[in-house]
C-alpha atoms as a PDB file:
ATOM      1  CA  UNK A   1      93.974  34.027  10.935  1.00  0.00           C
ATOM      2  CA  UNK A   2      95.774  31.341   9.016  1.00  0.00           C
ATOM      3  CA  UNK A   3      94.482  30.970   5.500  1.00  0.00           C
ATOM      4  CA  UNK A   4      93.575  27.430   4.558  1.00  0.00           C
ATOM      5  CA  UNK A   5      95.085  26.216   1.326  1.00  0.00           C
ATOM      6  CA  UNK A   6      92.944  24.379  -1.154  1.00  0.00           C
ATOM      7  CA  UNK A   7      94.504  21.216  -2.354  1.00  0.00           C
ATOM      8  CA  UNK A   8      93.098  18.876  -4.956  1.00  0.00           C
ATOM      9  CA  UNK A   9      92.480  16.383  -2.208  1.00  0.00           C
ATOM     10  CA  UNK A  10      90.645  18.930  -0.103  1.00  0.00           C
ATOM     11  CA  UNK A  11      88.593  20.128  -3.037  1.00  0.00           C
ATOM     12  CA  UNK A  12      87.783  16.600  -4.025  1.00  0.00           C
ATOM     13  CA  UNK A  13      86.845  15.784  -0.469  1.00  0.00           C
ATOM     14  CA  UNK A  14      84.547  18.809  -0.248  1.00  0.00           C
ATOM     15  CA  UNK A  15      83.001  17.916  -3.556  1.00  0.00           C
ATOM     16  CA  UNK A  16      82.405  14.407  -2.324  1.00  0.00           C
ATOM     17  CA  UNK A  17      81.018  15.691   0.928  1.00  0.00           C
ATOM     18  CA  UNK A  18      78.652  18.083  -0.790  1.00  0.00           C
ATOM     19  CA  UNK A  19      77.705  15.544  -3.406  1.00  0.00           C
ATOM     20  CA  UNK A  20      77.223  12.981  -0.692  1.00  0.00           C
ATOM     21  CA  UNK A  21      75.128  15.388   1.361  1.00  0.00           C
ATOM     22  CA  UNK A  22      73.138  16.247  -1.718  1.00  0.00           C
ATOM     23  CA  UNK A  23      72.643  12.551  -2.351  1.00  0.00           C
ATOM     24  CA  UNK A  24      71.499  12.073   1.218  1.00  0.00           C
ATOM     25  CA  UNK A  25      69.108  14.993   0.867  1.00  0.00           C
ATOM     26  CA  UNK A  26      67.928  13.673  -2.485  1.00  0.00           C
ATOM     27  CA  UNK A  27      67.587  10.172  -1.087  1.00  0.00           C
ATOM     28  CA  UNK A  28      65.642  11.466   1.894  1.00  0.00           C
ATOM     29  CA  UNK A  29      63.448  13.492  -0.429  1.00  0.00           C
ATOM     30  CA  UNK A  30      62.845  10.431  -2.619  1.00  0.00           C
ATOM     31  CA  UNK A  31      62.205   8.300   0.444  1.00  0.00           C
ATOM     32  CA  UNK A  32      59.881  10.969   1.838  1.00  0.00           C
ATOM     33  CA  UNK A  33      58.136  11.077  -1.531  1.00  0.00           C
ATOM     34  CA  UNK A  34      57.598   7.317  -1.426  1.00  0.00           C
ATOM     35  CA  UNK A  35      56.297   7.573   2.127  1.00  0.00           C
ATOM     36  CA  UNK A  36      53.896  10.288   1.060  1.00  0.00           C
ATOM     37  CA  UNK A  37      52.716   8.153  -1.855  1.00  0.00           C
ATOM     38  CA  UNK A  38      52.170   5.201   0.467  1.00  0.00           C
ATOM     39  CA  UNK A  39      50.365   7.433   2.931  1.00  0.00           C
ATOM     40  CA  UNK A  40      48.193   8.839   0.141  1.00  0.00           C
ATOM     41  CA  UNK A  41      47.478   5.301  -1.078  1.00  0.00           C
ATOM     42  CA  UNK A  42      46.563   4.242   2.460  1.00  0.00           C
ATOM     43  CA  UNK A  43      44.445   7.358   2.859  1.00  0.00           C
ATOM     44  CA  UNK A  44      42.725   6.565  -0.442  1.00  0.00           C
ATOM     45  CA  UNK A  45      42.133   2.996   0.713  1.00  0.00           C
ATOM     46  CA  UNK A  46      40.766   4.268   4.009  1.00  0.00           C
ATOM     47  CA  UNK A  47      38.519   6.732   2.191  1.00  0.00           C
ATOM     48  CA  UNK A  48      37.339   3.889  -0.050  1.00  0.00           C
ATOM     49  CA  UNK A  49      36.653   1.677   2.952  1.00  0.00           C
ATOM     50  CA  UNK A  50      34.886   4.549   4.691  1.00  0.00           C
ATOM     51  CA  UNK A  51      32.821   5.199   1.575  1.00  0.00           C
ATOM     52  CA  UNK A  52      31.928   1.508   1.289  1.00  0.00           C
ATOM     53  CA  UNK A  53      31.117   1.417   4.992  1.00  0.00           C
ATOM     54  CA  UNK A  54      28.896   4.480   4.571  1.00  0.00           C
ATOM     55  CA  UNK A  55      27.121   2.899   1.595  1.00  0.00           C
ATOM     56  CA  UNK A  56      26.716  -0.359   3.503  1.00  0.00           C
ATOM     57  CA  UNK A  57      25.327   1.572   6.441  1.00  0.00           C
ATOM     58  CA  UNK A  58      22.887   3.397   4.157  1.00  0.00           C
ATOM     59  CA  UNK A  59      21.785   0.099   2.589  1.00  0.00           C
ATOM     60  CA  UNK A  60      21.378  -1.422   6.039  1.00  0.00           C
ATOM     61  CA  UNK A  61      19.252   1.556   7.127  1.00  0.00           C
ATOM     62  CA  UNK A  62      17.164   1.314   3.959  1.00  0.00           C
ATOM     63  CA  UNK A  63      16.631  -2.401   4.502  1.00  0.00           C
ATOM     64  CA  UNK A  64      15.769  -1.791   8.138  1.00  0.00           C
ATOM     65  CA  UNK A  65      13.248   0.850   7.057  1.00  0.00           C
ATOM     66  CA  UNK A  66      11.742  -1.592   4.549  1.00  0.00           C
ATOM     67  CA  UNK A  67      11.509  -4.299   7.188  1.00  0.00           C
ATOM     68  CA  UNK A  68       9.855  -1.873   9.607  1.00  0.00           C
ATOM     69  CA  UNK A  69       7.340  -0.887   6.927  1.00  0.00           C
ATOM     70  CA  UNK A  70       6.561  -4.544   6.248  1.00  0.00           C
ATOM     71  CA  UNK A  71       6.132  -5.183   9.968  1.00  0.00           C
ATOM     72  CA  UNK A  72       3.844  -2.141  10.291  1.00  0.00           C
ATOM     73  CA  UNK A  73       1.852  -3.283   7.249  1.00  0.00           C
ATOM     74  CA  UNK A  74       1.563  -6.784   8.680  1.00  0.00           C
ATOM     75  CA  UNK A  75       0.320  -5.332  11.966  1.00  0.00           C
ATOM     76  CA  UNK A  76      -2.259  -3.224  10.142  1.00  0.00           C
ATOM     77  CA  UNK A  77      -3.333  -6.223   8.063  1.00  0.00           C
ATOM     78  CA  UNK A  78      -3.648  -8.309  11.208  1.00  0.00           C
ATOM     79  CA  UNK A  79      -5.593  -5.558  12.953  1.00  0.00           C
ATOM     80  CA  UNK A  80      -7.904  -5.118   9.955  1.00  0.00           C
ATOM     81  CA  UNK A  81      -8.524  -8.841   9.666  1.00  0.00           C
ATOM     82  CA  UNK A  82      -9.140  -9.122  13.406  1.00  0.00           C
ATOM     83  CA  UNK A  83     -11.559  -6.198  13.213  1.00  0.00           C
ATOM     84  CA  UNK A  84     -13.395  -7.781  10.271  1.00  0.00           C
ATOM     85  CA  UNK A  85     -13.660 -11.137  12.035  1.00  0.00           C
ATOM     86  CA  UNK A  86     -14.679  -9.599  15.345  1.00  0.00           C
ATOM     87  CA  UNK A  87     -17.337  -7.572  13.498  1.00  0.00           C
ATOM     88  CA  UNK A  88     -19.468 -10.689  13.362  1.00  0.00           C
ATOM     89  CA  UNK A  89     -21.725 -11.590  16.246  1.00  0.00           C
ATOM     90  CA  UNK A  90     -24.470  -9.648  18.022  1.00  0.00           C
ATOM     91  CA  UNK A  91     -22.672  -6.528  19.269  1.00  0.00           C
ATOM     92  CA  UNK A  92     -23.823  -3.779  16.903  1.00  0.00           C
ATOM     93  CA  UNK A  93     -21.236  -1.352  18.311  1.00  0.00           C
ATOM     94  CA  UNK A  94     -18.630  -3.300  16.372  1.00  0.00           C
ATOM     95  CA  UNK A  95     -20.428  -2.403  13.140  1.00  0.00           C
ATOM     96  CA  UNK A  96     -19.830   1.288  13.851  1.00  0.00           C
ATOM     97  CA  UNK A  97     -16.062   0.947  13.705  1.00  0.00           C
ATOM     98  CA  UNK A  98     -15.786   1.427   9.918  1.00  0.00           C
ATOM     99  CA  UNK A  99     -17.505   2.952   6.920  1.00  0.00           C
ATOM    100  CA  UNK A 100     -20.947   4.590   6.664  1.00  0.00           C
ATOM    101  CA  UNK A 101     -22.101   3.379  10.135  1.00  0.00           C
ATOM    102  CA  UNK A 102     -19.158   5.266  11.622  1.00  0.00           C
ATOM    103  CA  UNK A 103     -19.779   8.329   9.450  1.00  0.00           C
ATOM    104  CA  UNK A 104     -23.532   8.573  10.090  1.00  0.00           C
ATOM    105  CA  UNK A 105     -22.895   8.396  13.827  1.00  0.00           C
ATOM    106  CA  UNK A 106     -20.915  11.649  13.668  1.00  0.00           C
ATOM    107  CA  UNK A 107     -22.680  13.380  10.756  1.00  0.00           C
ATOM    108  CA  UNK A 108     -26.399  14.035  11.233  1.00  0.00           C
ATOM    109  CA  UNK A 109     -26.491  15.619   7.747  1.00  0.00           C
ATOM    110  CA  UNK A 110     -25.337  12.394   6.026  1.00  0.00           C
ATOM    111  CA  UNK A 111     -27.850  12.156   3.139  1.00  0.00           C
ATOM    112  CA  UNK A 112     -28.577   8.430   3.463  1.00  0.00           C
ATOM    113  CA  UNK A 113     -30.543   6.055   5.620  1.00  0.00           C
ATOM    114  CA  UNK A 114     -27.824   3.604   6.614  1.00  0.00           C
ATOM    115  CA  UNK A 115     -28.766  -0.009   7.267  1.00  0.00           C
ATOM    116  CA  UNK A 116     -25.863  -2.153   8.489  1.00  0.00           C
ATOM    117  CA  UNK A 117     -26.656  -5.841   9.000  1.00  0.00           C
ATOM    118  CA  UNK A 118     -24.274  -7.889  11.128  1.00  0.00           C
ATOM    119  CA  UNK A 119     -23.288 -11.403  10.164  1.00  0.00           C
ATOM    120  CA  UNK A 120     -23.837 -13.918  12.997  1.00  0.00           C
ATOM    121  CA  UNK A 121     -20.673 -15.279  14.574  1.00  0.00           C
ATOM    122  CA  UNK A 122     -19.367 -18.378  12.817  1.00  0.00           C
ATOM    123  CA  UNK A 123     -21.726 -17.890   9.838  1.00  0.00           C
ATOM    124  CA  UNK A 124     -21.599 -16.423   6.357  1.00  0.00           C
ATOM    125  CA  UNK A 125     -24.015 -14.002   4.726  1.00  0.00           C
ATOM    126  CA  UNK A 126     -27.583 -15.223   4.210  1.00  0.00           C
ATOM    127  CA  UNK A 127     -28.645 -13.469   1.009  1.00  0.00           C
ATOM    128  CA  UNK A 128     -32.304 -14.459   1.371  1.00  0.00           C
ATOM    129  CA  UNK A 129     -32.389 -13.093   4.914  1.00  0.00           C
ATOM    130  CA  UNK A 130     -30.709  -9.855   3.804  1.00  0.00           C
ATOM    131  CA  UNK A 131     -33.226  -9.327   0.998  1.00  0.00           C
ATOM    132  CA  UNK A 132     -36.093  -9.955   3.431  1.00  0.00           C
ATOM    133  CA  UNK A 133     -34.596  -7.366   5.776  1.00  0.00           C
ATOM    134  CA  UNK A 134     -34.334  -4.927   2.864  1.00  0.00           C
ATOM    135  CA  UNK A 135     -38.024  -5.425   2.091  1.00  0.00           C
ATOM    136  CA  UNK A 136     -38.920  -4.711   5.721  1.00  0.00           C
ATOM    137  CA  UNK A 137     -36.769  -1.575   5.953  1.00  0.00           C
ATOM    138  CA  UNK A 138     -37.950  -0.049   2.656  1.00  0.00           C
ATOM    139  CA  UNK A 139     -41.568  -0.623   3.687  1.00  0.00           C
ATOM    140  CA  UNK A 140     -41.292   0.689   7.259  1.00  0.00           C
ATOM    141  CA  UNK A 141     -39.130   3.726   6.499  1.00  0.00           C
ATOM    142  CA  UNK A 142     -40.800   4.538   3.186  1.00  0.00           C
ATOM    143  CA  UNK A 143     -37.499   4.342   1.291  1.00  0.00           C
ATOM    144  CA  UNK A 144     -37.424   5.215  -2.414  1.00  0.00           C
ATOM    145  CA  UNK A 145     -36.890   1.733  -3.853  1.00  0.00           C
ATOM    146  CA  UNK A 146     -35.348   3.218  -6.984  1.00  0.00           C
ATOM    147  CA  UNK A 147     -32.501   4.702  -4.931  1.00  0.00           C
ATOM    148  CA  UNK A 148     -31.178   1.839  -2.841  1.00  0.00           C
ATOM    149  CA  UNK A 149     -27.378   1.601  -2.862  1.00  0.00           C
ATOM    150  CA  UNK A 150     -25.241  -1.339  -1.812  1.00  0.00           C
ATOM    151  CA  UNK A 151     -21.713  -1.320  -0.366  1.00  0.00           C
ATOM    152  CA  UNK A 152     -19.578  -3.344   2.014  1.00  0.00           C
ATOM    153  CA  UNK A 153     -15.986  -3.917   3.050  1.00  0.00           C
ATOM    154  CA  UNK A 154     -13.909  -7.075   3.512  1.00  0.00           C
ATOM    155  CA  UNK A 155     -16.434  -9.786   4.399  1.00  0.00           C
ATOM    156  CA  UNK A 156     -19.075  -7.147   3.632  1.00  0.00           C
ATOM    157  CA  UNK A 157     -17.431  -6.786   0.231  1.00  0.00           C
ATOM    158  CA  UNK A 158     -18.088 -10.481  -0.381  1.00  0.00           C
ATOM    159  CA  UNK A 159     -21.664  -9.933   0.825  1.00  0.00           C
ATOM    160  CA  UNK A 160     -22.037  -7.029  -1.597  1.00  0.00           C
ATOM    161  CA  UNK A 161     -20.922  -9.159  -4.532  1.00  0.00           C
ATOM    162  CA  UNK A 162     -23.224 -11.943  -3.377  1.00  0.00           C
ATOM    163  CA  UNK A 163     -26.291  -9.675  -3.333  1.00  0.00           C
ATOM    164  CA  UNK A 164     -25.292  -8.167  -6.678  1.00  0.00           C
ATOM    165  CA  UNK A 165     -25.386 -11.684  -8.139  1.00  0.00           C
ATOM    166  CA  UNK A 166     -28.614 -12.700  -6.390  1.00  0.00           C
ATOM    167  CA  UNK A 167     -30.710  -9.579  -6.973  1.00  0.00           C
ATOM    168  CA  UNK A 168     -29.029  -7.016  -9.239  1.00  0.00           C
ATOM    169  CA  UNK A 169     -32.383  -5.428 -10.081  1.00  0.00           C
ATOM    170  CA  UNK A 170     -32.913  -4.308  -6.469  1.00  0.00           C
ATOM    171  CA  UNK A 171     -30.086  -1.774  -6.412  1.00  0.00           C
ATOM    172  CA  UNK A 172     -29.371   1.535  -8.125  1.00  0.00           C
ATOM    173  CA  UNK A 173     -25.572   1.128  -7.718  1.00  0.00           C
ATOM    174  CA  UNK A 174     -23.064  -0.998  -5.813  1.00  0.00           C
ATOM    175  CA  UNK A 175     -19.559  -0.413  -4.401  1.00  0.00           C
ATOM    176  CA  UNK A 176     -17.834  -3.577  -3.142  1.00  0.00           C
ATOM    177  CA  UNK A 177     -14.586  -2.910  -1.258  1.00  0.00           C
ATOM    178  CA  UNK A 178     -11.761  -5.470  -0.888  1.00  0.00           C
ATOM    179  CA  UNK A 179     -14.171  -8.338  -1.498  1.00  0.00           C
ATOM    180  CA  UNK A 180     -14.656 -11.156  -3.975  1.00  0.00           C
ATOM    181  CA  UNK A 181     -17.134 -13.740  -5.146  1.00  0.00           C
ATOM    182  CA  UNK A 182     -17.953 -16.739  -7.276  1.00  0.00           C
ATOM    183  CA  UNK A 183     -17.971 -15.954 -10.999  1.00  0.00           C
ATOM    184  CA  UNK A 184     -20.811 -18.450 -11.549  1.00  0.00           C
ATOM    185  CA  UNK A 185     -23.158 -16.165  -9.588  1.00  0.00           C
ATOM    186  CA  UNK A 186     -22.979 -13.595 -12.382  1.00  0.00           C
ATOM    187  CA  UNK A 187     -23.502 -15.827 -15.411  1.00  0.00           C
ATOM    188  CA  UNK A 188     -27.173 -16.679 -14.926  1.00  0.00           C
ATOM    189  CA  UNK A 189     -29.161 -15.746 -18.080  1.00  0.00           C
ATOM    190  CA  UNK A 190     -32.088 -14.320 -16.060  1.00  0.00           C
ATOM    191  CA  UNK A 191     -29.917 -11.663 -14.389  1.00  0.00           C
ATOM    192  CA  UNK A 192     -27.585 -10.884 -17.279  1.00  0.00           C
ATOM    193  CA  UNK A 193     -29.376  -7.709 -18.415  1.00  0.00           C
ATOM    194  CA  UNK A 194     -29.655  -6.305 -14.878  1.00  0.00           C
ATOM    195  CA  UNK A 195     -25.962  -6.983 -14.263  1.00  0.00           C
ATOM    196  CA  UNK A 196     -24.971  -5.322 -17.513  1.00  0.00           C
ATOM    197  CA  UNK A 197     -26.717  -2.080 -16.601  1.00  0.00           C
ATOM    198  CA  UNK A 198     -25.997  -1.995 -12.839  1.00  0.00           C
ATOM    199  CA  UNK A 199     -23.411   0.719 -12.047  1.00  0.00           C
ATOM    200  CA  UNK A 200     -20.600  -0.896 -10.026  1.00  0.00           C
ATOM    201  CA  UNK A 201     -17.501   0.797  -8.630  1.00  0.00           C
ATOM    202  CA  UNK A 202     -14.960  -1.645  -7.166  1.00  0.00           C
ATOM    203  CA  UNK A 203     -12.184  -0.694  -4.713  1.00  0.00           C
ATOM    204  CA  UNK A 204      -9.150  -2.659  -3.516  1.00  0.00           C
ATOM    205  CA  UNK A 205      -5.715  -2.150  -1.995  1.00  0.00           C
ATOM    206  CA  UNK A 206      -2.814  -3.093  -4.241  1.00  0.00           C
ATOM    207  CA  UNK A 207      -0.917  -4.591  -1.285  1.00  0.00           C
ATOM    208  CA  UNK A 208      -3.867  -6.319   0.364  1.00  0.00           C
ATOM    209  CA  UNK A 209      -2.516  -9.457   2.033  1.00  0.00           C
ATOM    210  CA  UNK A 210      -5.879 -10.564   3.445  1.00  0.00           C
ATOM    211  CA  UNK A 211      -8.035 -10.506   0.315  1.00  0.00           C
ATOM    212  CA  UNK A 212      -5.801 -10.357  -2.744  1.00  0.00           C
ATOM    213  CA  UNK A 213      -6.613  -7.614  -5.294  1.00  0.00           C
ATOM    214  CA  UNK A 214      -6.865 -10.372  -7.904  1.00  0.00           C
ATOM    215  CA  UNK A 215     -10.222 -11.279  -6.320  1.00  0.00           C
ATOM    216  CA  UNK A 216     -11.671  -7.951  -7.441  1.00  0.00           C
ATOM    217  CA  UNK A 217      -9.768  -7.926 -10.720  1.00  0.00           C
ATOM    218  CA  UNK A 218     -11.145 -11.356 -11.656  1.00  0.00           C
ATOM    219  CA  UNK A 219     -14.744 -10.193 -11.259  1.00  0.00           C
ATOM    220  CA  UNK A 220     -14.109  -6.871 -13.002  1.00  0.00           C
ATOM    221  CA  UNK A 221     -12.624  -8.769 -15.965  1.00  0.00           C
ATOM    222  CA  UNK A 222     -15.718 -10.984 -16.059  1.00  0.00           C
ATOM    223  CA  UNK A 223     -18.070  -8.002 -16.084  1.00  0.00           C
ATOM    224  CA  UNK A 224     -16.064  -6.175 -18.737  1.00  0.00           C
ATOM    225  CA  UNK A 225     -15.369  -9.097 -21.074  1.00  0.00           C
ATOM    226  CA  UNK A 226     -18.361 -11.410 -20.637  1.00  0.00           C
ATOM    227  CA  UNK A 227     -21.135  -9.039 -19.602  1.00  0.00           C
ATOM    228  CA  UNK A 228     -19.879  -5.947 -21.461  1.00  0.00           C
ATOM    229  CA  UNK A 229     -20.508  -3.901 -18.319  1.00  0.00           C
ATOM    230  CA  UNK A 230     -19.255  -0.380 -17.748  1.00  0.00           C
ATOM    231  CA  UNK A 231     -17.819  -1.404 -14.374  1.00  0.00           C
ATOM    232  CA  UNK A 232     -15.173   0.753 -12.659  1.00  0.00           C
ATOM    233  CA  UNK A 233     -12.138  -0.379 -10.662  1.00  0.00           C
ATOM    234  CA  UNK A 234      -9.961   1.690  -8.337  1.00  0.00           C
ATOM    235  CA  UNK A 235      -6.771   0.123  -6.974  1.00  0.00           C
ATOM    236  CA  UNK A 236      -4.855   1.999  -4.283  1.00  0.00           C
ATOM    237  CA  UNK A 237      -1.254   0.916  -5.082  1.00  0.00           C
ATOM    238  CA  UNK A 238       0.140   1.369  -1.568  1.00  0.00           C
ATOM    239  CA  UNK A 239      -2.938   0.343   0.437  1.00  0.00           C
ATOM    240  CA  UNK A 240      -3.205  -2.938   2.309  1.00  0.00           C
ATOM    241  CA  UNK A 241      -6.461  -4.507   3.422  1.00  0.00           C
ATOM    242  CA  UNK A 242      -7.823  -1.182   4.653  1.00  0.00           C
ATOM    243  CA  UNK A 243      -8.908   0.309   1.363  1.00  0.00           C
ATOM    244  CA  UNK A 244     -12.256   1.349   2.851  1.00  0.00           C
ATOM    245  CA  UNK A 245     -11.157   4.355   4.931  1.00  0.00           C
ATOM    246  CA  UNK A 246      -9.934   6.263   1.889  1.00  0.00           C
ATOM    247  CA  UNK A 247     -12.968   5.146  -0.111  1.00  0.00           C
ATOM    248  CA  UNK A 248     -15.637   6.067   2.431  1.00  0.00           C
ATOM    249  CA  UNK A 249     -13.920   9.379   3.221  1.00  0.00           C
ATOM    250  CA  UNK A 250     -14.149  10.393  -0.427  1.00  0.00           C
ATOM    251  CA  UNK A 251     -17.227  12.618  -1.118  1.00  0.00           C
ATOM    252  CA  UNK A 252     -17.116  11.542  -4.777  1.00  0.00           C
ATOM    253  CA  UNK A 253     -18.348   8.082  -3.814  1.00  0.00           C
ATOM    254  CA  UNK A 254     -21.596   9.492  -2.412  1.00  0.00           C
ATOM    255  CA  UNK A 255     -21.997  11.881  -5.333  1.00  0.00           C
ATOM    256  CA  UNK A 256     -21.596   8.870  -7.618  1.00  0.00           C
ATOM    257  CA  UNK A 257     -24.238   6.925  -5.666  1.00  0.00           C
ATOM    258  CA  UNK A 258     -26.741   9.762  -5.788  1.00  0.00           C
ATOM    259  CA  UNK A 259     -26.215  10.236  -9.529  1.00  0.00           C
ATOM    260  CA  UNK A 260     -27.810   6.818 -10.157  1.00  0.00           C
ATOM    261  CA  UNK A 261     -31.374   5.657  -9.931  1.00  0.00           C
ATOM    262  CA  UNK A 262     -33.113   2.520 -11.184  1.00  0.00           C
END
């Protein structure tokens, strides 16, 4: 085999070739490095967009859930209002849909005689007629007149407040639920003492869209500040118009009633 001689030109050429090849390799490596950086940057951007998309999707789902809750609440409010309105008339079965009339129908041991008047369709409560009915019932059924308790829900809550203002001395305790009334009914000098000493426990839903909780709060403030009454108020923060189911299902309400006597 013929031995190849190394000339300066050949050596220089090889050096150039190797240096050039090294430069190409280096250049490719640099270029590849830049490509990787760009890819990483794009990947980071994509991850950022994906993260933002995920957050947006979560926010959208949360908003959708909130909207659904509002729709469900509105439906319940509408159903409650419809039930309250349809409770008027002459069909006593409608009275048994809520509260003590419903409970006494399924609990023979319920320790109360429950009297549930029904407001005539298109009318409002007749306080004189209600008091006359109370006289008749207490006489016929030999009710202990010192242990007569008053409660009502929605329109019945307004009726409860109305009777409290008209004849506070007739009742041992009262529990108006999601109702309201005219403040002037409670400022009569002749009934001031009876109102001051009448135990009253008020209930309302914090999210009631039918009868605003301010209706109860206004009367509670009057009793506390003007009449110096030891009135109680319970607000259910998440409840809508139906604040009566939770109230009437609570045994403490009936224990509270029975702890009072005129």
